[in-house]
Amino acid sequence: MTTESLMAKARQAAVSARVLLNTGDADGACNRAYYAMFDAARAALLASGAPVEPELARTHNGLISAFSLHLVKTQRVPIELGKALNKVEDLRLVADYKGDPIENAVAGWAVEQAEAFVHAMQSRFIPL
């Protein structure tokens, strides 16, 4: 996939997360928020030219590790965005697999983080 197509997926997932949140689907909102961030992080890694094997960047742990190593630890991305990616992934795991309820306020935070993350990756690595 190209950086542009990954960012398009990320933007759409962020919009979907907001829609799901507004309809009261906190679990679905957390899922879409995480995938917005996942695709935006993949696009940023690709656009940055970081030496990451494509297969590694397709797994959740591999992508988050590569993002941290190549973009956060090098200070190309603020640490707060790296932490948000990790926290929203944790929420997605709870929503998708553990069955514990996610409060709407927590899901709202995840959606806000996803929107900010997607915007930051777009503006830093994939200018329009």
C-alpha atoms as a PDB file:
ATOM      1  CA  MET A   1       0.000   0.000   0.000  1.00  0.00           C
ATOM      2  CA  THR A   2       1.083   3.564  -0.582  1.00  0.00           C
ATOM      3  CA  THR A   3       1.376   6.228   2.084  1.00  0.00           C
ATOM      4  CA  GLU A   4      -1.570   8.039   0.507  1.00  0.00           C
ATOM      5  CA  SER A   5      -3.823   4.977   0.568  1.00  0.00           C
ATOM      6  CA  LEU A   6      -2.845   4.197   4.165  1.00  0.00           C
ATOM      7  CA  MET A   7      -3.613   7.754   5.205  1.00  0.00           C
ATOM      8  CA  ALA A   8      -6.952   7.610   3.396  1.00  0.00           C
ATOM      9  CA  LYS A   9      -7.775   4.447   5.377  1.00  0.00           C
ATOM     10  CA  ALA A  10      -6.656   6.152   8.579  1.00  0.00           C
ATOM     11  CA  ARG A  11      -8.818   9.214   7.951  1.00  0.00           C
ATOM     12  CA  GLN A  12     -11.844   7.037   7.153  1.00  0.00           C
ATOM     13  CA  ALA A  13     -11.334   4.935  10.281  1.00  0.00           C
ATOM     14  CA  ALA A  14     -11.166   8.117  12.390  1.00  0.00           C
ATOM     15  CA  VAL A  15     -14.442   9.323  10.874  1.00  0.00           C
ATOM     16  CA  SER A  16     -15.998   5.914  11.513  1.00  0.00           C
ATOM     17  CA  ALA A  17     -14.779   5.997  15.112  1.00  0.00           C
ATOM     18  CA  ARG A  18     -16.517   9.336  15.650  1.00  0.00           C
ATOM     19  CA  VAL A  19     -19.752   8.036  14.091  1.00  0.00           C
ATOM     20  CA  LEU A  20     -19.707   4.914  16.264  1.00  0.00           C
ATOM     21  CA  LEU A  21     -19.058   6.986  19.374  1.00  0.00           C
ATOM     22  CA  ASN A  22     -21.974   9.270  18.511  1.00  0.00           C
ATOM     23  CA  THR A  23     -24.294   6.262  18.197  1.00  0.00           C
ATOM     24  CA  GLY A  24     -23.237   4.893  21.591  1.00  0.00           C
ATOM     25  CA  ASP A  25     -21.000   2.071  20.338  1.00  0.00           C
ATOM     26  CA  ALA A  26     -17.991   2.612  22.592  1.00  0.00           C
ATOM     27  CA  ASP A  27     -16.396  -0.744  21.718  1.00  0.00           C
ATOM     28  CA  GLY A  28     -16.668  -0.119  17.987  1.00  0.00           C
ATOM     29  CA  ALA A  29     -15.352   3.424  18.436  1.00  0.00           C
ATOM     30  CA  CYS A  30     -12.250   2.121  20.228  1.00  0.00           C
ATOM     31  CA  ASN A  31     -11.673  -0.445  17.497  1.00  0.00           C
ATOM     32  CA  ARG A  32     -11.881   2.098  14.691  1.00  0.00           C
ATOM     33  CA  ALA A  33      -9.839   4.659  16.659  1.00  0.00           C
ATOM     34  CA  TYR A  34      -7.005   2.168  17.038  1.00  0.00           C
ATOM     35  CA  TYR A  35      -7.057   1.177  13.381  1.00  0.00           C
ATOM     36  CA  ALA A  36      -6.987   4.844  12.376  1.00  0.00           C
ATOM     37  CA  MET A  37      -3.810   5.182  14.412  1.00  0.00           C
ATOM     38  CA  PHE A  38      -2.392   1.869  13.144  1.00  0.00           C
ATOM     39  CA  ASP A  39      -2.759   2.864   9.494  1.00  0.00           C
ATOM     40  CA  ALA A  40      -1.474   6.395  10.116  1.00  0.00           C
ATOM     41  CA  ALA A  41       1.566   4.981  11.928  1.00  0.00           C
ATOM     42  CA  ARG A  42       2.229   2.588   9.028  1.00  0.00           C
ATOM     43  CA  ALA A  43       2.019   5.495   6.586  1.00  0.00           C
ATOM     44  CA  ALA A  44       4.358   7.618   8.699  1.00  0.00           C
ATOM     45  CA  LEU A  45       6.928   4.831   8.924  1.00  0.00           C
ATOM     46  CA  LEU A  46       6.772   4.295   5.185  1.00  0.00           C
ATOM     47  CA  ALA A  47       7.017   8.015   4.408  1.00  0.00           C
ATOM     48  CA  SER A  48       9.870   8.525   6.875  1.00  0.00           C
ATOM     49  CA  GLY A  49      12.082   6.043   5.081  1.00  0.00           C
ATOM     50  CA  ALA A  50      12.699   4.128   8.309  1.00  0.00           C
ATOM     51  CA  PRO A  51      14.426   0.788   7.662  1.00  0.00           C
ATOM     52  CA  VAL A  52      11.454  -1.389   8.609  1.00  0.00           C
ATOM     53  CA  GLU A  53      10.671  -4.709   6.973  1.00  0.00           C
ATOM     54  CA  PRO A  54       7.169  -4.533   5.435  1.00  0.00           C
ATOM     55  CA  GLU A  55       6.128  -7.754   7.181  1.00  0.00           C
ATOM     56  CA  LEU A  56       7.095  -6.344  10.585  1.00  0.00           C
ATOM     57  CA  ALA A  57       5.022  -3.203  10.093  1.00  0.00           C
ATOM     58  CA  ARG A  58       1.906  -5.288   9.417  1.00  0.00           C
ATOM     59  CA  THR A  59       1.777  -6.858  12.883  1.00  0.00           C
ATOM     60  CA  HIS A  60       0.487  -4.847  15.801  1.00  0.00           C
ATOM     61  CA  ASN A  61       3.481  -5.393  18.070  1.00  0.00           C
ATOM     62  CA  GLY A  62       5.935  -4.990  15.212  1.00  0.00           C
ATOM     63  CA  LEU A  63       4.383  -1.748  14.059  1.00  0.00           C
ATOM     64  CA  ILE A  64       4.226  -0.222  17.522  1.00  0.00           C
ATOM     65  CA  SER A  65       7.827  -1.227  18.244  1.00  0.00           C
ATOM     66  CA  ALA A  66       9.067   0.158  14.922  1.00  0.00           C
ATOM     67  CA  PHE A  67       7.073   3.367  15.373  1.00  0.00           C
ATOM     68  CA  SER A  68       8.578   3.859  18.827  1.00  0.00           C
ATOM     69  CA  LEU A  69      12.116   3.031  17.734  1.00  0.00           C
ATOM     70  CA  HIS A  70      12.252   5.009  14.495  1.00  0.00           C
ATOM     71  CA  LEU A  71       9.904   7.927  15.112  1.00  0.00           C
ATOM     72  CA  VAL A  72       9.360   8.473  18.847  1.00  0.00           C
ATOM     73  CA  LYS A  73      12.834   7.719  20.199  1.00  0.00           C
ATOM     74  CA  THR A  74      14.361   9.835  17.424  1.00  0.00           C
ATOM     75  CA  GLN A  75      12.041  12.680  18.481  1.00  0.00           C
ATOM     76  CA  ARG A  76      10.406  12.938  15.080  1.00  0.00           C
ATOM     77  CA  VAL A  77       7.101  12.295  16.852  1.00  0.00           C
ATOM     78  CA  PRO A  78       6.238  13.528  20.364  1.00  0.00           C
ATOM     79  CA  ILE A  79       6.317  10.854  23.049  1.00  0.00           C
ATOM     80  CA  GLU A  80       2.700  11.656  23.942  1.00  0.00           C
ATOM     81  CA  LEU A  81       1.574  10.365  20.546  1.00  0.00           C
ATOM     82  CA  GLY A  82       3.513   7.148  21.039  1.00  0.00           C
ATOM     83  CA  LYS A  83       1.931   6.658  24.455  1.00  0.00           C
ATOM     84  CA  ALA A  84      -1.520   7.349  23.020  1.00  0.00           C
ATOM     85  CA  LEU A  85      -1.008   4.674  20.359  1.00  0.00           C
ATOM     86  CA  ASN A  86      -0.177   2.139  23.073  1.00  0.00           C
ATOM     87  CA  LYS A  87      -3.117   3.118  25.278  1.00  0.00           C
ATOM     88  CA  VAL A  88      -5.647   3.044  22.444  1.00  0.00           C
ATOM     89  CA  GLU A  89      -4.356  -0.384  21.407  1.00  0.00           C
ATOM     90  CA  ASP A  90      -4.973  -1.571  24.978  1.00  0.00           C
ATOM     91  CA  LEU A  91      -8.540  -0.233  24.799  1.00  0.00           C
ATOM     92  CA  ARG A  92      -9.105  -2.032  21.498  1.00  0.00           C
ATOM     93  CA  LEU A  93      -7.947  -5.297  23.026  1.00  0.00           C
ATOM     94  CA  VAL A  94     -10.377  -4.855  25.906  1.00  0.00           C
ATOM     95  CA  ALA A  95     -13.214  -3.906  23.556  1.00  0.00           C
ATOM     96  CA  ASP A  96     -12.558  -6.657  21.021  1.00  0.00           C
ATOM     97  CA  TYR A  97     -11.455  -9.587  23.152  1.00  0.00           C
ATOM     98  CA  LYS A  98     -11.987  -9.194  26.882  1.00  0.00           C
ATOM     99  CA  GLY A  99     -15.623  -8.196  26.828  1.00  0.00           C
ATOM    100  CA  ASP A 100     -15.251  -5.645  29.598  1.00  0.00           C
ATOM    101  CA  PRO A 101     -17.400  -2.590  28.943  1.00  0.00           C
ATOM    102  CA  ILE A 102     -15.684   0.570  27.741  1.00  0.00           C
ATOM    103  CA  GLU A 103     -17.183   3.752  29.143  1.00  0.00           C
ATOM    104  CA  ASN A 104     -18.295   6.366  26.614  1.00  0.00           C
ATOM    105  CA  ALA A 105     -15.952   8.949  28.127  1.00  0.00           C
ATOM    106  CA  VAL A 106     -12.986   6.607  27.679  1.00  0.00           C
ATOM    107  CA  ALA A 107     -14.026   5.832  24.118  1.00  0.00           C
ATOM    108  CA  GLY A 108     -14.370   9.574  23.510  1.00  0.00           C
ATOM    109  CA  TRP A 109     -10.800  10.055  24.676  1.00  0.00           C
ATOM    110  CA  ALA A 110      -9.641   7.307  22.292  1.00  0.00           C
ATOM    111  CA  VAL A 111     -11.443   8.923  19.363  1.00  0.00           C
ATOM    112  CA  GLU A 112      -9.918  12.313  20.169  1.00  0.00           C
ATOM    113  CA  GLN A 113      -6.467  10.737  20.363  1.00  0.00           C
ATOM    114  CA  ALA A 114      -6.991   9.002  17.021  1.00  0.00           C
ATOM    115  CA  GLU A 115      -8.095  12.213  15.333  1.00  0.00           C
ATOM    116  CA  ALA A 116      -5.073  14.086  16.708  1.00  0.00           C
ATOM    117  CA  PHE A 117      -2.713  11.227  15.809  1.00  0.00           C
ATOM    118  CA  VAL A 118      -3.948  10.966  12.228  1.00  0.00           C
ATOM    119  CA  HIS A 119      -3.701  14.727  11.800  1.00  0.00           C
ATOM    120  CA  ALA A 120      -0.167  14.772  13.232  1.00  0.00           C
ATOM    121  CA  MET A 121       1.067  11.950  10.986  1.00  0.00           C
ATOM    122  CA  GLN A 122      -0.523  13.591   7.952  1.00  0.00           C
ATOM    123  CA  SER A 123       1.021  16.983   8.649  1.00  0.00           C
ATOM    124  CA  ARG A 124       4.466  15.634   9.626  1.00  0.00           C
ATOM    125  CA  PHE A 125       4.998  12.933   7.017  1.00  0.00           C
ATOM    126  CA  ILE A 126       2.429  13.063   4.202  1.00  0.00           C
ATOM    127  CA  PRO A 127       1.700  16.663   3.263  1.00  0.00           C
ATOM    128  CA  LEU A 128      -1.312  17.152   1.035  1.00  0.00           C
END
